[in-house]
Amino acid sequence: MKHQPKYQRRSEQQIRALLGVQEKSDLPIAVFCKTHKIHKTTYYNWCNKYGMQRETTAKFIPVQLKQTESVPVLFGEIEFASKVIVRLYHQVDASWIKSLLR
């Protein structure tokens, strides 16, 4: 039975270069890690250690409401797994909600 060769440790420069490549690419993190033979946990550890900001941080999505009454009436409320709560004051397309999940 052949043993797989051990991977050499990457230098800080190599790690920062890989993180930069991932930031600029449109690849999902799982695909990027598989392509570069990096475990996802290692990737996230590198991000934390070298201060790279992932795009999963909270984003502000501006919503314009038509004010017909003095107090808006709550139409619905959605709570995502990331503990983000979205309050809807009128009916919206399902495609708009799907865009929030990206």
PDB file of N, CA and C in Angstrom:
ATOM      1  N   MET A   1       0.837  -1.167   0.000  1.00  0.00           N
ATOM      2  CA  MET A   1       0.000   0.000   0.000  1.00  0.00           C
ATOM      3  C   MET A   1       0.891   1.241   0.000  1.00  0.00           C
ATOM      4  N   LYS A   2       0.663   2.111  -0.969  1.00  0.00           N
ATOM      5  CA  LYS A   2       1.461   3.321  -1.081  1.00  0.00           C
ATOM      6  C   LYS A   2       0.902   4.399  -0.160  1.00  0.00           C
ATOM      7  N   HIS A   3       1.818   5.145   0.417  1.00  0.00           N
ATOM      8  CA  HIS A   3       1.414   6.258   1.261  1.00  0.00           C
ATOM      9  C   HIS A   3       1.334   7.511   0.415  1.00  0.00           C
ATOM     10  N   GLN A   4       0.362   8.340   0.728  1.00  0.00           N
ATOM     11  CA  GLN A   4       0.261   9.609   0.021  1.00  0.00           C
ATOM     12  C   GLN A   4       1.356  10.533   0.533  1.00  0.00           C
ATOM     13  N   PRO A   5       1.961  11.287  -0.372  1.00  0.00           N
ATOM     14  CA  PRO A   5       3.021  12.195   0.080  1.00  0.00           C
ATOM     15  C   PRO A   5       2.439  13.294   0.966  1.00  0.00           C
ATOM     16  N   LYS A   6       3.190  13.639   2.014  1.00  0.00           N
ATOM     17  CA  LYS A   6       2.736  14.713   2.892  1.00  0.00           C
ATOM     18  C   LYS A   6       2.919  16.043   2.174  1.00  0.00           C
ATOM     19  N   TYR A   7       1.976  16.930   2.410  1.00  0.00           N
ATOM     20  CA  TYR A   7       2.071  18.254   1.816  1.00  0.00           C
ATOM     21  C   TYR A   7       2.978  19.112   2.681  1.00  0.00           C
ATOM     22  N   GLN A   8       3.783  19.900   2.031  1.00  0.00           N
ATOM     23  CA  GLN A   8       4.636  20.818   2.773  1.00  0.00           C
ATOM     24  C   GLN A   8       3.800  22.004   3.227  1.00  0.00           C
ATOM     25  N   ARG A   9       4.209  22.574   4.329  1.00  0.00           N
ATOM     26  CA  ARG A   9       3.507  23.750   4.827  1.00  0.00           C
ATOM     27  C   ARG A   9       3.708  24.900   3.854  1.00  0.00           C
ATOM     28  N   ARG A  10       2.668  25.685   3.717  1.00  0.00           N
ATOM     29  CA  ARG A  10       2.754  26.851   2.844  1.00  0.00           C
ATOM     30  C   ARG A  10       3.257  28.040   3.657  1.00  0.00           C
ATOM     31  N   SER A  11       4.006  28.890   3.002  1.00  0.00           N
ATOM     32  CA  SER A  11       4.502  30.095   3.676  1.00  0.00           C
ATOM     33  C   SER A  11       3.366  31.106   3.789  1.00  0.00           C
ATOM     34  N   GLU A  12       3.594  32.122   4.602  1.00  0.00           N
ATOM     35  CA  GLU A  12       2.583  33.164   4.769  1.00  0.00           C
ATOM     36  C   GLU A  12       2.289  33.852   3.439  1.00  0.00           C
ATOM     37  N   GLN A  13       3.315  34.065   2.636  1.00  0.00           N
ATOM     38  CA  GLN A  13       3.128  34.690   1.319  1.00  0.00           C
ATOM     39  C   GLN A  13       2.247  33.827   0.426  1.00  0.00           C
ATOM     40  N   GLN A  14       2.500  32.525   0.422  1.00  0.00           N
ATOM     41  CA  GLN A  14       1.706  31.611  -0.403  1.00  0.00           C
ATOM     42  C   GLN A  14       0.249  31.600   0.061  1.00  0.00           C
ATOM     43  N   ILE A  15       0.053  31.596   1.377  1.00  0.00           N
ATOM     44  CA  ILE A  15      -1.311  31.578   1.921  1.00  0.00           C
ATOM     45  C   ILE A  15      -2.050  32.856   1.539  1.00  0.00           C
ATOM     46  N   ARG A  16      -1.388  33.999   1.722  1.00  0.00           N
ATOM     47  CA  ARG A  16      -2.026  35.272   1.375  1.00  0.00           C
ATOM     48  C   ARG A  16      -2.345  35.340  -0.124  1.00  0.00           C
ATOM     49  N   ALA A  17      -1.443  34.783  -0.939  1.00  0.00           N
ATOM     50  CA  ALA A  17      -1.689  34.763  -2.385  1.00  0.00           C
ATOM     51  C   ALA A  17      -2.908  33.903  -2.710  1.00  0.00           C
ATOM     52  N   LEU A  18      -3.027  32.727  -2.087  1.00  0.00           N
ATOM     53  CA  LEU A  18      -4.179  31.853  -2.314  1.00  0.00           C
ATOM     54  C   LEU A  18      -5.477  32.524  -1.859  1.00  0.00           C
ATOM     55  N   LEU A  19      -5.437  33.175  -0.707  1.00  0.00           N
ATOM     56  CA  LEU A  19      -6.638  33.865  -0.223  1.00  0.00           C
ATOM     57  C   LEU A  19      -7.028  34.996  -1.163  1.00  0.00           C
ATOM     58  N   GLY A  20      -6.031  35.664  -1.727  1.00  0.00           N
ATOM     59  CA  GLY A  20      -6.314  36.724  -2.697  1.00  0.00           C
ATOM     60  C   GLY A  20      -6.935  36.177  -3.965  1.00  0.00           C
ATOM     61  N   VAL A  21      -6.441  35.021  -4.409  1.00  0.00           N
ATOM     62  CA  VAL A  21      -6.992  34.385  -5.607  1.00  0.00           C
ATOM     63  C   VAL A  21      -8.453  34.013  -5.368  1.00  0.00           C
ATOM     64  N   GLN A  22      -8.751  33.474  -4.180  1.00  0.00           N
ATOM     65  CA  GLN A  22     -10.128  33.078  -3.892  1.00  0.00           C
ATOM     66  C   GLN A  22     -11.037  34.298  -3.824  1.00  0.00           C
ATOM     67  N   GLU A  23     -10.537  35.388  -3.253  1.00  0.00           N
ATOM     68  CA  GLU A  23     -11.351  36.609  -3.167  1.00  0.00           C
ATOM     69  C   GLU A  23     -11.749  37.116  -4.540  1.00  0.00           C
ATOM     70  N   LYS A  24     -10.828  37.011  -5.493  1.00  0.00           N
ATOM     71  CA  LYS A  24     -11.078  37.542  -6.833  1.00  0.00           C
ATOM     72  C   LYS A  24     -11.871  36.576  -7.710  1.00  0.00           C
ATOM     73  N   SER A  25     -11.894  35.294  -7.336  1.00  0.00           N
ATOM     74  CA  SER A  25     -12.595  34.310  -8.165  1.00  0.00           C
ATOM     75  C   SER A  25     -14.071  34.254  -7.786  1.00  0.00           C
ATOM     76  N   ASP A  26     -14.862  33.692  -8.672  1.00  0.00           N
ATOM     77  CA  ASP A  26     -16.293  33.519  -8.415  1.00  0.00           C
ATOM     78  C   ASP A  26     -16.609  32.116  -7.910  1.00  0.00           C
ATOM     79  N   LEU A  27     -15.577  31.351  -7.602  1.00  0.00           N
ATOM     80  CA  LEU A  27     -15.782  29.979  -7.156  1.00  0.00           C
ATOM     81  C   LEU A  27     -16.302  29.934  -5.722  1.00  0.00           C
ATOM     82  N   PRO A  28     -17.206  29.011  -5.447  1.00  0.00           N
ATOM     83  CA  PRO A  28     -17.593  28.794  -4.052  1.00  0.00           C
ATOM     84  C   PRO A  28     -16.376  28.284  -3.273  1.00  0.00           C
ATOM     85  N   ILE A  29     -16.362  28.516  -1.991  1.00  0.00           N
ATOM     86  CA  ILE A  29     -15.210  28.155  -1.170  1.00  0.00           C
ATOM     87  C   ILE A  29     -14.938  26.656  -1.223  1.00  0.00           C
ATOM     88  N   ALA A  30     -15.994  25.841  -1.217  1.00  0.00           N
ATOM     89  CA  ALA A  30     -15.809  24.383  -1.245  1.00  0.00           C
ATOM     90  C   ALA A  30     -15.081  23.943  -2.516  1.00  0.00           C
ATOM     91  N   VAL A  31     -15.459  24.511  -3.650  1.00  0.00           N
ATOM     92  CA  VAL A  31     -14.823  24.157  -4.926  1.00  0.00           C
ATOM     93  C   VAL A  31     -13.381  24.662  -4.958  1.00  0.00           C
ATOM     94  N   PHE A  32     -13.160  25.871  -4.477  1.00  0.00           N
ATOM     95  CA  PHE A  32     -11.811  26.433  -4.435  1.00  0.00           C
ATOM     96  C   PHE A  32     -10.893  25.561  -3.580  1.00  0.00           C
ATOM     97  N   CYS A  33     -11.381  25.150  -2.416  1.00  0.00           N
ATOM     98  CA  CYS A  33     -10.573  24.321  -1.518  1.00  0.00           C
ATOM     99  C   CYS A  33     -10.246  22.974  -2.145  1.00  0.00           C
ATOM    100  N   LYS A  34     -11.206  22.382  -2.821  1.00  0.00           N
ATOM    101  CA  LYS A  34     -10.975  21.092  -3.467  1.00  0.00           C
ATOM    102  C   LYS A  34      -9.953  21.234  -4.591  1.00  0.00           C
ATOM    103  N   THR A  35     -10.048  22.319  -5.347  1.00  0.00           N
ATOM    104  CA  THR A  35      -9.126  22.561  -6.456  1.00  0.00           C
ATOM    105  C   THR A  35      -7.696  22.723  -5.965  1.00  0.00           C
ATOM    106  N   HIS A  36      -7.523  23.437  -4.859  1.00  0.00           N
ATOM    107  CA  HIS A  36      -6.184  23.722  -4.340  1.00  0.00           C
ATOM    108  C   HIS A  36      -5.755  22.760  -3.238  1.00  0.00           C
ATOM    109  N   LYS A  37      -6.539  21.712  -3.024  1.00  0.00           N
ATOM    110  CA  LYS A  37      -6.247  20.673  -2.036  1.00  0.00           C
ATOM    111  C   LYS A  37      -6.035  21.263  -0.644  1.00  0.00           C
ATOM    112  N   ILE A  38      -7.026  22.058  -0.239  1.00  0.00           N
ATOM    113  CA  ILE A  38      -7.026  22.678   1.075  1.00  0.00           C
ATOM    114  C   ILE A  38      -8.297  22.227   1.788  1.00  0.00           C
ATOM    115  N   HIS A  39      -8.172  21.871   3.045  1.00  0.00           N
ATOM    116  CA  HIS A  39      -9.365  21.535   3.805  1.00  0.00           C
ATOM    117  C   HIS A  39     -10.114  22.832   4.121  1.00  0.00           C
ATOM    118  N   LYS A  40     -11.457  22.772   4.123  1.00  0.00           N
ATOM    119  CA  LYS A  40     -12.234  23.984   4.369  1.00  0.00           C
ATOM    120  C   LYS A  40     -11.912  24.598   5.728  1.00  0.00           C
ATOM    121  N   THR A  41     -11.684  23.766   6.717  1.00  0.00           N
ATOM    122  CA  THR A  41     -11.339  24.276   8.045  1.00  0.00           C
ATOM    123  C   THR A  41     -10.031  25.051   7.994  1.00  0.00           C
ATOM    124  N   THR A  42      -9.072  24.525   7.248  1.00  0.00           N
ATOM    125  CA  THR A  42      -7.791  25.207   7.100  1.00  0.00           C
ATOM    126  C   THR A  42      -7.992  26.558   6.432  1.00  0.00           C
ATOM    127  N   TYR A  43      -8.836  26.590   5.393  1.00  0.00           N
ATOM    128  CA  TYR A  43      -9.117  27.836   4.696  1.00  0.00           C
ATOM    129  C   TYR A  43      -9.670  28.884   5.663  1.00  0.00           C
ATOM    130  N   TYR A  44     -10.661  28.512   6.471  1.00  0.00           N
ATOM    131  CA  TYR A  44     -11.267  29.452   7.405  1.00  0.00           C
ATOM    132  C   TYR A  44     -10.285  29.866   8.500  1.00  0.00           C
ATOM    133  N   ASN A  45      -9.429  28.936   8.934  1.00  0.00           N
ATOM    134  CA  ASN A  45      -8.397  29.286   9.909  1.00  0.00           C
ATOM    135  C   ASN A  45      -7.441  30.323   9.326  1.00  0.00           C
ATOM    136  N   TRP A  46      -7.071  30.135   8.067  1.00  0.00           N
ATOM    137  CA  TRP A  46      -6.196  31.102   7.394  1.00  0.00           C
ATOM    138  C   TRP A  46      -6.873  32.465   7.327  1.00  0.00           C
ATOM    139  N   CYS A  47      -8.155  32.483   6.981  1.00  0.00           N
ATOM    140  CA  CYS A  47      -8.884  33.750   6.901  1.00  0.00           C
ATOM    141  C   CYS A  47      -8.863  34.467   8.248  1.00  0.00           C
ATOM    142  N   ASN A  48      -9.087  33.720   9.315  1.00  0.00           N
ATOM    143  CA  ASN A  48      -9.081  34.327  10.645  1.00  0.00           C
ATOM    144  C   ASN A  48      -7.687  34.792  11.040  1.00  0.00           C
ATOM    145  N   LYS A  49      -6.688  33.987  10.735  1.00  0.00           N
ATOM    146  CA  LYS A  49      -5.323  34.302  11.143  1.00  0.00           C
ATOM    147  C   LYS A  49      -4.750  35.485  10.374  1.00  0.00           C
ATOM    148  N   TYR A  50      -4.998  35.539   9.073  1.00  0.00           N
ATOM    149  CA  TYR A  50      -4.388  36.562   8.237  1.00  0.00           C
ATOM    150  C   TYR A  50      -5.324  37.736   7.944  1.00  0.00           C
ATOM    151  N   GLY A  51      -6.466  37.762   8.647  1.00  0.00           N
ATOM    152  CA  GLY A  51      -7.347  38.923   8.592  1.00  0.00           C
ATOM    153  C   GLY A  51      -8.068  39.135   7.278  1.00  0.00           C
ATOM    154  N   MET A  52      -8.261  38.108   6.502  1.00  0.00           N
ATOM    155  CA  MET A  52      -8.992  38.251   5.244  1.00  0.00           C
ATOM    156  C   MET A  52     -10.483  38.258   5.576  1.00  0.00           C
ATOM    157  N   GLN A  53     -11.184  39.219   5.027  1.00  0.00           N
ATOM    158  CA  GLN A  53     -12.619  39.334   5.274  1.00  0.00           C
ATOM    159  C   GLN A  53     -13.366  38.512   4.234  1.00  0.00           C
ATOM    160  N   ARG A  54     -14.212  37.628   4.729  1.00  0.00           N
ATOM    161  CA  ARG A  54     -15.041  36.842   3.818  1.00  0.00           C
ATOM    162  C   ARG A  54     -16.285  37.650   3.485  1.00  0.00           C
ATOM    163  N   GLU A  55     -16.892  37.316   2.367  1.00  0.00           N
ATOM    164  CA  GLU A  55     -18.062  38.064   1.910  1.00  0.00           C
ATOM    165  C   GLU A  55     -19.329  37.657   2.646  1.00  0.00           C
ATOM    166  N   THR A  56     -19.211  36.742   3.602  1.00  0.00           N
ATOM    167  CA  THR A  56     -20.392  36.295   4.323  1.00  0.00           C
ATOM    168  C   THR A  56     -20.781  37.251   5.437  1.00  0.00           C
ATOM    169  N   THR A  57     -20.045  38.369   5.576  1.00  0.00           N
ATOM    170  CA  THR A  57     -20.406  39.340   6.596  1.00  0.00           C
ATOM    171  C   THR A  57     -21.735  39.986   6.222  1.00  0.00           C
ATOM    172  N   ALA A  58     -22.380  40.537   7.207  1.00  0.00           N
ATOM    173  CA  ALA A  58     -23.712  41.106   7.000  1.00  0.00           C
ATOM    174  C   ALA A  58     -23.666  42.243   5.978  1.00  0.00           C
ATOM    175  N   LYS A  59     -24.648  42.256   5.119  1.00  0.00           N
ATOM    176  CA  LYS A  59     -24.773  43.307   4.114  1.00  0.00           C
ATOM    177  C   LYS A  59     -26.072  44.057   4.378  1.00  0.00           C
ATOM    178  N   PHE A  60     -26.053  45.317   4.097  1.00  0.00           N
ATOM    179  CA  PHE A  60     -27.266  46.112   4.220  1.00  0.00           C
ATOM    180  C   PHE A  60     -27.945  46.150   2.864  1.00  0.00           C
ATOM    181  N   ILE A  61     -29.195  45.774   2.831  1.00  0.00           N
ATOM    182  CA  ILE A  61     -29.964  45.792   1.597  1.00  0.00           C
ATOM    183  C   ILE A  61     -31.034  46.874   1.752  1.00  0.00           C
ATOM    184  N   PRO A  62     -30.908  47.961   1.006  1.00  0.00           N
ATOM    185  CA  PRO A  62     -31.900  49.025   1.154  1.00  0.00           C
ATOM    186  C   PRO A  62     -33.250  48.598   0.586  1.00  0.00           C
ATOM    187  N   VAL A  63     -34.291  48.918   1.307  1.00  0.00           N
ATOM    188  CA  VAL A  63     -35.645  48.601   0.883  1.00  0.00           C
ATOM    189  C   VAL A  63     -36.464  49.879   0.973  1.00  0.00           C
ATOM    190  N   GLN A  64     -37.140  50.212  -0.111  1.00  0.00           N
ATOM    191  CA  GLN A  64     -37.984  51.398  -0.104  1.00  0.00           C
ATOM    192  C   GLN A  64     -39.432  50.968   0.060  1.00  0.00           C
ATOM    193  N   LEU A  65     -40.073  51.560   1.024  1.00  0.00           N
ATOM    194  CA  LEU A  65     -41.467  51.245   1.289  1.00  0.00           C
ATOM    195  C   LEU A  65     -42.346  52.404   0.856  1.00  0.00           C
ATOM    196  N   LYS A  66     -43.509  52.058   0.340  1.00  0.00           N
ATOM    197  CA  LYS A  66     -44.482  53.092  -0.007  1.00  0.00           C
ATOM    198  C   LYS A  66     -45.307  53.362   1.237  1.00  0.00           C
ATOM    199  N   GLN A  67     -45.213  54.548   1.731  1.00  0.00           N
ATOM    200  CA  GLN A  67     -45.927  54.915   2.954  1.00  0.00           C
ATOM    201  C   GLN A  67     -47.334  55.398   2.588  1.00  0.00           C
ATOM    202  N   THR A  68     -48.320  54.546   2.769  1.00  0.00           N
ATOM    203  CA  THR A  68     -49.696  54.953   2.523  1.00  0.00           C
ATOM    204  C   THR A  68     -50.398  55.249   3.842  1.00  0.00           C
ATOM    205  N   GLU A  69     -49.893  54.662   4.907  1.00  0.00           N
ATOM    206  CA  GLU A  69     -50.470  54.903   6.231  1.00  0.00           C
ATOM    207  C   GLU A  69     -49.386  55.527   7.107  1.00  0.00           C
ATOM    208  N   SER A  70     -49.785  56.076   8.207  1.00  0.00           N
ATOM    209  CA  SER A  70     -48.804  56.680   9.106  1.00  0.00           C
ATOM    210  C   SER A  70     -47.935  55.615   9.780  1.00  0.00           C
ATOM    211  N   VAL A  71     -48.499  54.436  10.051  1.00  0.00           N
ATOM    212  CA  VAL A  71     -47.749  53.336  10.659  1.00  0.00           C
ATOM    213  C   VAL A  71     -47.815  52.134   9.719  1.00  0.00           C
ATOM    214  N   PRO A  72     -46.652  51.654   9.233  1.00  0.00           N
ATOM    215  CA  PRO A  72     -46.696  50.502   8.333  1.00  0.00           C
ATOM    216  C   PRO A  72     -47.165  49.244   9.070  1.00  0.00           C
ATOM    217  N   VAL A  73     -47.898  48.396   8.357  1.00  0.00           N
ATOM    218  CA  VAL A  73     -48.409  47.158   8.921  1.00  0.00           C
ATOM    219  C   VAL A  73     -47.474  46.025   8.524  1.00  0.00           C
ATOM    220  N   LEU A  74     -47.076  45.207   9.490  1.00  0.00           N
ATOM    221  CA  LEU A  74     -46.164  44.091   9.236  1.00  0.00           C
ATOM    222  C   LEU A  74     -46.874  43.014   8.424  1.00  0.00           C
ATOM    223  N   PHE A  75     -46.321  42.674   7.259  1.00  0.00           N
ATOM    224  CA  PHE A  75     -46.912  41.660   6.384  1.00  0.00           C
ATOM    225  C   PHE A  75     -46.380  40.280   6.733  1.00  0.00           C
ATOM    226  N   GLY A  76     -45.070  40.180   7.001  1.00  0.00           N
ATOM    227  CA  GLY A  76     -44.465  38.894   7.313  1.00  0.00           C
ATOM    228  C   GLY A  76     -43.079  39.093   7.896  1.00  0.00           C
ATOM    229  N   GLU A  77     -42.566  38.008   8.461  1.00  0.00           N
ATOM    230  CA  GLU A  77     -41.247  38.067   9.077  1.00  0.00           C
ATOM    231  C   GLU A  77     -40.532  36.757   8.777  1.00  0.00           C
ATOM    232  N   ILE A  78     -39.258  36.852   8.369  1.00  0.00           N
ATOM    233  CA  ILE A  78     -38.459  35.664   8.051  1.00  0.00           C
ATOM    234  C   ILE A  78     -37.214  35.696   8.920  1.00  0.00           C
ATOM    235  N   GLU A  79     -36.917  34.572   9.605  1.00  0.00           N
ATOM    236  CA  GLU A  79     -35.674  34.482  10.375  1.00  0.00           C
ATOM    237  C   GLU A  79     -34.789  33.430   9.722  1.00  0.00           C
ATOM    238  N   PHE A  80     -33.607  33.856   9.310  1.00  0.00           N
ATOM    239  CA  PHE A  80     -32.661  32.956   8.673  1.00  0.00           C
ATOM    240  C   PHE A  80     -31.834  32.240   9.733  1.00  0.00           C
ATOM    241  N   ALA A  81     -31.133  31.173   9.323  1.00  0.00           N
ATOM    242  CA  ALA A  81     -30.308  30.391  10.244  1.00  0.00           C
ATOM    243  C   ALA A  81     -29.203  31.236  10.867  1.00  0.00           C
ATOM    244  N   SER A  82     -28.793  32.290  10.191  1.00  0.00           N
ATOM    245  CA  SER A  82     -27.723  33.153  10.691  1.00  0.00           C
ATOM    246  C   SER A  82     -28.250  34.191  11.684  1.00  0.00           C
ATOM    247  N   LYS A  83     -29.466  33.993  12.186  1.00  0.00           N
ATOM    248  CA  LYS A  83     -30.104  34.878  13.157  1.00  0.00           C
ATOM    249  C   LYS A  83     -30.433  36.258  12.596  1.00  0.00           C
ATOM    250  N   VAL A  84     -30.528  36.372  11.282  1.00  0.00           N
ATOM    251  CA  VAL A  84     -30.933  37.614  10.641  1.00  0.00           C
ATOM    252  C   VAL A  84     -32.445  37.574  10.472  1.00  0.00           C
ATOM    253  N   ILE A  85     -33.092  38.643  10.865  1.00  0.00           N
ATOM    254  CA  ILE A  85     -34.549  38.717  10.745  1.00  0.00           C
ATOM    255  C   ILE A  85     -34.891  39.753   9.686  1.00  0.00           C
ATOM    256  N   VAL A  86     -35.738  39.355   8.739  1.00  0.00           N
ATOM    257  CA  VAL A  86     -36.193  40.252   7.683  1.00  0.00           C
ATOM    258  C   VAL A  86     -37.683  40.472   7.899  1.00  0.00           C
ATOM    259  N   ARG A  87     -38.058  41.725   8.040  1.00  0.00           N
ATOM    260  CA  ARG A  87     -39.469  42.069   8.218  1.00  0.00           C
ATOM    261  C   ARG A  87     -39.991  42.635   6.907  1.00  0.00           C
ATOM    262  N   LEU A  88     -41.091  42.089   6.451  1.00  0.00           N
ATOM    263  CA  LEU A  88     -41.688  42.507   5.190  1.00  0.00           C
ATOM    264  C   LEU A  88     -42.956  43.297   5.498  1.00  0.00           C
ATOM    265  N   TYR A  89     -43.088  44.431   4.818  1.00  0.00           N
ATOM    266  CA  TYR A  89     -44.259  45.269   5.025  1.00  0.00           C
ATOM    267  C   TYR A  89     -45.197  45.241   3.824  1.00  0.00           C
ATOM    268  N   HIS A  90     -44.823  44.439   2.818  1.00  0.00           N
ATOM    269  CA  HIS A  90     -45.714  44.193   1.688  1.00  0.00           C
ATOM    270  C   HIS A  90     -45.263  42.898   1.020  1.00  0.00           C
ATOM    271  N   GLN A  91     -46.082  42.359   0.155  1.00  0.00           N
ATOM    272  CA  GLN A  91     -45.776  41.103  -0.517  1.00  0.00           C
ATOM    273  C   GLN A  91     -44.613  41.306  -1.487  1.00  0.00           C
ATOM    274  N   VAL A  92     -43.675  40.323  -1.514  1.00  0.00           N
ATOM    275  CA  VAL A  92     -42.519  40.403  -2.405  1.00  0.00           C
ATOM    276  C   VAL A  92     -42.419  39.122  -3.223  1.00  0.00           C
ATOM    277  N   ASP A  93     -41.657  39.212  -4.316  1.00  0.00           N
ATOM    278  CA  ASP A  93     -41.403  38.050  -5.174  1.00  0.00           C
ATOM    279  C   ASP A  93     -40.535  37.031  -4.441  1.00  0.00           C
ATOM    280  N   ALA A  94     -40.720  35.766  -4.762  1.00  0.00           N
ATOM    281  CA  ALA A  94     -39.870  34.724  -4.190  1.00  0.00           C
ATOM    282  C   ALA A  94     -38.427  34.899  -4.652  1.00  0.00           C
ATOM    283  N   SER A  95     -38.221  35.428  -5.866  1.00  0.00           N
ATOM    284  CA  SER A  95     -36.866  35.633  -6.374  1.00  0.00           C
ATOM    285  C   SER A  95     -36.104  36.651  -5.525  1.00  0.00           C
ATOM    286  N   TRP A  96     -36.800  37.626  -4.958  1.00  0.00           N
ATOM    287  CA  TRP A  96     -36.152  38.608  -4.096  1.00  0.00           C
ATOM    288  C   TRP A  96     -35.653  37.940  -2.821  1.00  0.00           C
ATOM    289  N   ILE A  97     -36.469  37.050  -2.270  1.00  0.00           N
ATOM    290  CA  ILE A  97     -36.060  36.326  -1.049  1.00  0.00           C
ATOM    291  C   ILE A  97     -34.900  35.394  -1.362  1.00  0.00           C
ATOM    292  N   LYS A  98     -34.930  34.739  -2.528  1.00  0.00           N
ATOM    293  CA  LYS A  98     -33.809  33.866  -2.916  1.00  0.00           C
ATOM    294  C   LYS A  98     -32.521  34.656  -3.068  1.00  0.00           C
ATOM    295  N   SER A  99     -32.611  35.902  -3.519  1.00  0.00           N
ATOM    296  CA  SER A  99     -31.415  36.730  -3.678  1.00  0.00           C
ATOM    297  C   SER A  99     -30.778  37.035  -2.329  1.00  0.00           C
ATOM    298  N   LEU A 100     -31.558  37.038  -1.262  1.00  0.00           N
ATOM    299  CA  LEU A 100     -31.010  37.248   0.080  1.00  0.00           C
ATOM    300  C   LEU A 100     -30.172  36.061   0.537  1.00  0.00           C
ATOM    301  N   LEU A 101     -30.482  34.879   0.032  1.00  0.00           N
ATOM    302  CA  LEU A 101     -29.805  33.670   0.457  1.00  0.00           C
ATOM    303  C   LEU A 101     -28.447  33.479  -0.206  1.00  0.00           C
ATOM    304  N   ARG A 102     -28.122  34.255  -1.201  1.00  0.00           N
ATOM    305  CA  ARG A 102     -26.844  34.091  -1.892  1.00  0.00           C
ATOM    306  C   ARG A 102     -25.717  34.659  -1.107  1.00  0.00           C
TER     307      ARG A 102
END
